[in-house]
Amino acid sequence: MTEDVIYLYTYESAVPVAISFTVGEDGGVFILYEGFNVDTEQDIKDFFEEFSVEVETITK
């Protein structure tokens, strides 16, 4: 891993879960926040706007 990353998992019937990984650290940190609106990709981008992060959608 060459840079910090946050993976955000969204579900239809559950709270979103974020897992944060930091360069040089072992493991990750789970973040649960019921007030996080993830209805659209734009909602997610708006939430992280002040943190200057890049939001990329990955679907499987």
PDB file of N, CA and C in Angstrom:
ATOM      1  N   MET A   1       0.849  -1.169   0.000  1.00  0.00           N
ATOM      2  CA  MET A   1       0.000   0.000   0.000  1.00  0.00           C
ATOM      3  C   MET A   1       0.900   1.239   0.000  1.00  0.00           C
ATOM      4  N   THR A   2       0.607   2.174  -0.903  1.00  0.00           N
ATOM      5  CA  THR A   2       1.453   3.365  -1.021  1.00  0.00           C
ATOM      6  C   THR A   2       0.770   4.636  -0.528  1.00  0.00           C
ATOM      7  N   GLU A   3      -0.528   4.572  -0.254  1.00  0.00           N
ATOM      8  CA  GLU A   3      -1.229   5.737   0.284  1.00  0.00           C
ATOM      9  C   GLU A   3      -2.397   5.283   1.149  1.00  0.00           C
ATOM     10  N   ASP A   4      -2.852   6.168   2.029  1.00  0.00           N
ATOM     11  CA  ASP A   4      -3.978   5.855   2.899  1.00  0.00           C
ATOM     12  C   ASP A   4      -5.225   5.621   2.057  1.00  0.00           C
ATOM     13  N   VAL A   5      -6.115   4.753   2.543  1.00  0.00           N
ATOM     14  CA  VAL A   5      -7.330   4.431   1.795  1.00  0.00           C
ATOM     15  C   VAL A   5      -8.476   4.132   2.763  1.00  0.00           C
ATOM     16  N   ILE A   6      -9.681   4.471   2.341  1.00  0.00           N
ATOM     17  CA  ILE A   6     -10.885   4.116   3.088  1.00  0.00           C
ATOM     18  C   ILE A   6     -11.795   3.350   2.142  1.00  0.00           C
ATOM     19  N   TYR A   7     -12.210   2.157   2.537  1.00  0.00           N
ATOM     20  CA  TYR A   7     -13.187   1.391   1.781  1.00  0.00           C
ATOM     21  C   TYR A   7     -14.535   1.584   2.458  1.00  0.00           C
ATOM     22  N   LEU A   8     -15.524   1.982   1.675  1.00  0.00           N
ATOM     23  CA  LEU A   8     -16.865   2.214   2.201  1.00  0.00           C
ATOM     24  C   LEU A   8     -17.791   1.171   1.608  1.00  0.00           C
ATOM     25  N   TYR A   9     -18.402   0.372   2.469  1.00  0.00           N
ATOM     26  CA  TYR A   9     -19.329  -0.658   2.032  1.00  0.00           C
ATOM     27  C   TYR A   9     -20.747  -0.188   2.348  1.00  0.00           C
ATOM     28  N   THR A  10     -21.611  -0.202   1.344  1.00  0.00           N
ATOM     29  CA  THR A  10     -22.999   0.209   1.535  1.00  0.00           C
ATOM     30  C   THR A  10     -23.908  -0.988   1.299  1.00  0.00           C
ATOM     31  N   TYR A  11     -25.008  -0.997   2.025  1.00  0.00           N
ATOM     32  CA  TYR A  11     -25.960  -2.095   1.956  1.00  0.00           C
ATOM     33  C   TYR A  11     -27.372  -1.520   1.872  1.00  0.00           C
ATOM     34  N   GLU A  12     -28.282  -2.259   1.278  1.00  0.00           N
ATOM     35  CA  GLU A  12     -29.656  -1.788   1.151  1.00  0.00           C
ATOM     36  C   GLU A  12     -30.366  -1.680   2.498  1.00  0.00           C
ATOM     37  N   SER A  13     -30.104  -2.602   3.410  1.00  0.00           N
ATOM     38  CA  SER A  13     -30.858  -2.645   4.666  1.00  0.00           C
ATOM     39  C   SER A  13     -29.976  -2.585   5.907  1.00  0.00           C
ATOM     40  N   ALA A  14     -28.852  -1.891   5.808  1.00  0.00           N
ATOM     41  CA  ALA A  14     -27.957  -1.799   6.968  1.00  0.00           C
ATOM     42  C   ALA A  14     -27.163  -0.506   6.896  1.00  0.00           C
ATOM     43  N   VAL A  15     -26.566  -0.146   8.019  1.00  0.00           N
ATOM     44  CA  VAL A  15     -25.739   1.065   8.070  1.00  0.00           C
ATOM     45  C   VAL A  15     -24.476   0.842   7.237  1.00  0.00           C
ATOM     46  N   PRO A  16     -23.986   1.903   6.590  1.00  0.00           N
ATOM     47  CA  PRO A  16     -22.736   1.758   5.845  1.00  0.00           C
ATOM     48  C   PRO A  16     -21.567   1.506   6.792  1.00  0.00           C
ATOM     49  N   VAL A  17     -20.558   0.813   6.294  1.00  0.00           N
ATOM     50  CA  VAL A  17     -19.372   0.505   7.082  1.00  0.00           C
ATOM     51  C   VAL A  17     -18.158   0.997   6.310  1.00  0.00           C
ATOM     52  N   ALA A  18     -17.297   1.731   6.988  1.00  0.00           N
ATOM     53  CA  ALA A  18     -16.053   2.182   6.382  1.00  0.00           C
ATOM     54  C   ALA A  18     -14.896   1.491   7.090  1.00  0.00           C
ATOM     55  N   ILE A  19     -13.896   1.114   6.310  1.00  0.00           N
ATOM     56  CA  ILE A  19     -12.682   0.533   6.874  1.00  0.00           C
ATOM     57  C   ILE A  19     -11.527   1.405   6.399  1.00  0.00           C
ATOM     58  N   SER A  20     -10.805   1.960   7.350  1.00  0.00           N
ATOM     59  CA  SER A  20      -9.719   2.890   7.053  1.00  0.00           C
ATOM     60  C   SER A  20      -8.377   2.203   7.235  1.00  0.00           C
ATOM     61  N   PHE A  21      -7.527   2.303   6.207  1.00  0.00           N
ATOM     62  CA  PHE A  21      -6.173   1.761   6.274  1.00  0.00           C
ATOM     63  C   PHE A  21      -5.172   2.906   6.132  1.00  0.00           C
ATOM     64  N   THR A  22      -4.162   2.938   6.992  1.00  0.00           N
ATOM     65  CA  THR A  22      -3.143   3.977   6.980  1.00  0.00           C
ATOM     66  C   THR A  22      -1.790   3.361   6.662  1.00  0.00           C
ATOM     67  N   VAL A  23      -1.055   3.980   5.760  1.00  0.00           N
ATOM     68  CA  VAL A  23       0.273   3.493   5.387  1.00  0.00           C
ATOM     69  C   VAL A  23       1.132   3.360   6.639  1.00  0.00           C
ATOM     70  N   GLY A  24       1.819   2.236   6.764  1.00  0.00           N
ATOM     71  CA  GLY A  24       2.712   2.017   7.901  1.00  0.00           C
ATOM     72  C   GLY A  24       2.037   1.421   9.114  1.00  0.00           C
ATOM     73  N   GLU A  25       0.725   1.266   9.071  1.00  0.00           N
ATOM     74  CA  GLU A  25      -0.010   0.691  10.203  1.00  0.00           C
ATOM     75  C   GLU A  25      -0.470  -0.721   9.841  1.00  0.00           C
ATOM     76  N   ASP A  26      -0.490  -1.607  10.823  1.00  0.00           N
ATOM     77  CA  ASP A  26      -1.020  -2.954  10.601  1.00  0.00           C
ATOM     78  C   ASP A  26      -2.515  -2.943  10.851  1.00  0.00           C
ATOM     79  N   GLY A  27      -3.275  -3.596   9.998  1.00  0.00           N
ATOM     80  CA  GLY A  27      -4.719  -3.698  10.188  1.00  0.00           C
ATOM     81  C   GLY A  27      -5.445  -2.449   9.750  1.00  0.00           C
ATOM     82  N   GLY A  28      -6.718  -2.404  10.070  1.00  0.00           N
ATOM     83  CA  GLY A  28      -7.550  -1.269   9.692  1.00  0.00           C
ATOM     84  C   GLY A  28      -8.472  -0.874  10.824  1.00  0.00           C
ATOM     85  N   VAL A  29      -9.193   0.215  10.644  1.00  0.00           N
ATOM     86  CA  VAL A  29     -10.121   0.719  11.653  1.00  0.00           C
ATOM     87  C   VAL A  29     -11.526   0.699  11.062  1.00  0.00           C
ATOM     88  N   PHE A  30     -12.471   0.088  11.756  1.00  0.00           N
ATOM     89  CA  PHE A  30     -13.860   0.067  11.319  1.00  0.00           C
ATOM     90  C   PHE A  30     -14.562   1.328  11.797  1.00  0.00           C
ATOM     91  N   ILE A  31     -15.355   1.935  10.925  1.00  0.00           N
ATOM     92  CA  ILE A  31     -16.083   3.148  11.265  1.00  0.00           C
ATOM     93  C   ILE A  31     -17.557   2.919  10.953  1.00  0.00           C
ATOM     94  N   LEU A  32     -18.401   3.032  11.965  1.00  0.00           N
ATOM     95  CA  LEU A  32     -19.846   2.896  11.792  1.00  0.00           C
ATOM     96  C   LEU A  32     -20.490   4.226  12.147  1.00  0.00           C
ATOM     97  N   TYR A  33     -21.323   4.757  11.234  1.00  0.00           N
ATOM     98  CA  TYR A  33     -21.963   6.044  11.477  1.00  0.00           C
ATOM     99  C   TYR A  33     -23.354   6.028  10.851  1.00  0.00           C
ATOM    100  N   GLU A  34     -24.386   5.897  11.683  1.00  0.00           N
ATOM    101  CA  GLU A  34     -25.755   5.772  11.190  1.00  0.00           C
ATOM    102  C   GLU A  34     -26.241   7.013  10.452  1.00  0.00           C
ATOM    103  N   GLY A  35     -25.668   8.180  10.717  1.00  0.00           N
ATOM    104  CA  GLY A  35     -26.115   9.415  10.097  1.00  0.00           C
ATOM    105  C   GLY A  35     -25.521   9.681   8.726  1.00  0.00           C
ATOM    106  N   PHE A  36     -24.735   8.765   8.211  1.00  0.00           N
ATOM    107  CA  PHE A  36     -24.059   8.942   6.931  1.00  0.00           C
ATOM    108  C   PHE A  36     -25.020   8.595   5.793  1.00  0.00           C
ATOM    109  N   ASN A  37     -25.371   9.584   4.978  1.00  0.00           N
ATOM    110  CA  ASN A  37     -26.283   9.381   3.863  1.00  0.00           C
ATOM    111  C   ASN A  37     -25.499   8.861   2.656  1.00  0.00           C
ATOM    112  N   VAL A  38     -25.813   7.655   2.216  1.00  0.00           N
ATOM    113  CA  VAL A  38     -25.114   7.050   1.083  1.00  0.00           C
ATOM    114  C   VAL A  38     -26.085   6.677  -0.035  1.00  0.00           C
ATOM    115  N   ASP A  39     -27.152   7.455  -0.172  1.00  0.00           N
ATOM    116  CA  ASP A  39     -28.151   7.147  -1.193  1.00  0.00           C
ATOM    117  C   ASP A  39     -27.590   7.273  -2.604  1.00  0.00           C
ATOM    118  N   THR A  40     -26.697   8.234  -2.814  1.00  0.00           N
ATOM    119  CA  THR A  40     -26.106   8.413  -4.142  1.00  0.00           C
ATOM    120  C   THR A  40     -24.595   8.609  -4.002  1.00  0.00           C
ATOM    121  N   GLU A  41     -23.905   8.442  -5.118  1.00  0.00           N
ATOM    122  CA  GLU A  41     -22.463   8.677  -5.117  1.00  0.00           C
ATOM    123  C   GLU A  41     -22.164  10.142  -4.777  1.00  0.00           C
ATOM    124  N   GLN A  42     -23.016  11.051  -5.223  1.00  0.00           N
ATOM    125  CA  GLN A  42     -22.815  12.471  -4.933  1.00  0.00           C
ATOM    126  C   GLN A  42     -22.937  12.745  -3.435  1.00  0.00           C
ATOM    127  N   ASP A  43     -23.853  12.049  -2.744  1.00  0.00           N
ATOM    128  CA  ASP A  43     -23.971  12.197  -1.283  1.00  0.00           C
ATOM    129  C   ASP A  43     -22.653  11.846  -0.601  1.00  0.00           C
ATOM    130  N   ILE A  44     -22.023  10.792  -1.080  1.00  0.00           N
ATOM    131  CA  ILE A  44     -20.756  10.342  -0.503  1.00  0.00           C
ATOM    132  C   ILE A  44     -19.661  11.373  -0.787  1.00  0.00           C
ATOM    133  N   LYS A  45     -19.603  11.852  -2.023  1.00  0.00           N
ATOM    134  CA  LYS A  45     -18.607  12.872  -2.381  1.00  0.00           C
ATOM    135  C   LYS A  45     -18.803  14.134  -1.550  1.00  0.00           C
ATOM    136  N   ASP A  46     -20.054  14.548  -1.358  1.00  0.00           N
ATOM    137  CA  ASP A  46     -20.346  15.739  -0.558  1.00  0.00           C
ATOM    138  C   ASP A  46     -19.890  15.562   0.891  1.00  0.00           C
ATOM    139  N   PHE A  47     -20.094  14.370   1.447  1.00  0.00           N
ATOM    140  CA  PHE A  47     -19.714  14.093   2.828  1.00  0.00           C
ATOM    141  C   PHE A  47     -18.208  14.249   3.025  1.00  0.00           C
ATOM    142  N   PHE A  48     -17.415  13.767   2.062  1.00  0.00           N
ATOM    143  CA  PHE A  48     -15.960  13.790   2.176  1.00  0.00           C
ATOM    144  C   PHE A  48     -15.326  15.030   1.571  1.00  0.00           C
ATOM    145  N   GLU A  49     -16.123  15.956   1.047  1.00  0.00           N
ATOM    146  CA  GLU A  49     -15.620  17.120   0.327  1.00  0.00           C
ATOM    147  C   GLU A  49     -14.561  17.910   1.098  1.00  0.00           C
ATOM    148  N   GLU A  50     -14.789  18.165   2.366  1.00  0.00           N
ATOM    149  CA  GLU A  50     -13.854  18.983   3.140  1.00  0.00           C
ATOM    150  C   GLU A  50     -12.546  18.263   3.457  1.00  0.00           C
ATOM    151  N   PHE A  51     -12.481  16.961   3.184  1.00  0.00           N
ATOM    152  CA  PHE A  51     -11.277  16.190   3.498  1.00  0.00           C
ATOM    153  C   PHE A  51     -10.370  15.991   2.291  1.00  0.00           C
ATOM    154  N   SER A  52     -10.733  16.534   1.143  1.00  0.00           N
ATOM    155  CA  SER A  52      -9.927  16.425  -0.081  1.00  0.00           C
ATOM    156  C   SER A  52      -9.578  14.985  -0.416  1.00  0.00           C
ATOM    157  N   VAL A  53     -10.591  14.125  -0.451  1.00  0.00           N
ATOM    158  CA  VAL A  53     -10.373  12.732  -0.821  1.00  0.00           C
ATOM    159  C   VAL A  53     -10.976  12.473  -2.193  1.00  0.00           C
ATOM    160  N   GLU A  54     -10.458  11.454  -2.852  1.00  0.00           N
ATOM    161  CA  GLU A  54     -10.980  11.016  -4.140  1.00  0.00           C
ATOM    162  C   GLU A  54     -11.974   9.892  -3.885  1.00  0.00           C
ATOM    163  N   VAL A  55     -13.178  10.009  -4.444  1.00  0.00           N
ATOM    164  CA  VAL A  55     -14.204   8.975  -4.296  1.00  0.00           C
ATOM    165  C   VAL A  55     -14.277   8.206  -5.604  1.00  0.00           C
ATOM    166  N   GLU A  56     -14.119   6.893  -5.502  1.00  0.00           N
ATOM    167  CA  GLU A  56     -14.188   6.028  -6.676  1.00  0.00           C
ATOM    168  C   GLU A  56     -15.185   4.920  -6.395  1.00  0.00           C
ATOM    169  N   THR A  57     -16.133   4.724  -7.303  1.00  0.00           N
ATOM    170  CA  THR A  57     -17.133   3.671  -7.133  1.00  0.00           C
ATOM    171  C   THR A  57     -16.605   2.361  -7.694  1.00  0.00           C
ATOM    172  N   ILE A  58     -16.684   1.324  -6.875  1.00  0.00           N
ATOM    173  CA  ILE A  58     -16.295  -0.024  -7.287  1.00  0.00           C
ATOM    174  C   ILE A  58     -17.497  -0.918  -7.025  1.00  0.00           C
ATOM    175  N   THR A  59     -18.016  -1.543  -8.049  1.00  0.00           N
ATOM    176  CA  THR A  59     -19.149  -2.449  -7.866  1.00  0.00           C
ATOM    177  C   THR A  59     -18.727  -3.870  -8.203  1.00  0.00           C
ATOM    178  N   LYS A  60     -19.404  -4.787  -7.581  1.00  0.00           N
ATOM    179  CA  LYS A  60     -19.070  -6.187  -7.818  1.00  0.00           C
ATOM    180  C   LYS A  60     -20.323  -6.959  -8.079  1.00  0.00           C
TER     181      LYS A  60
END
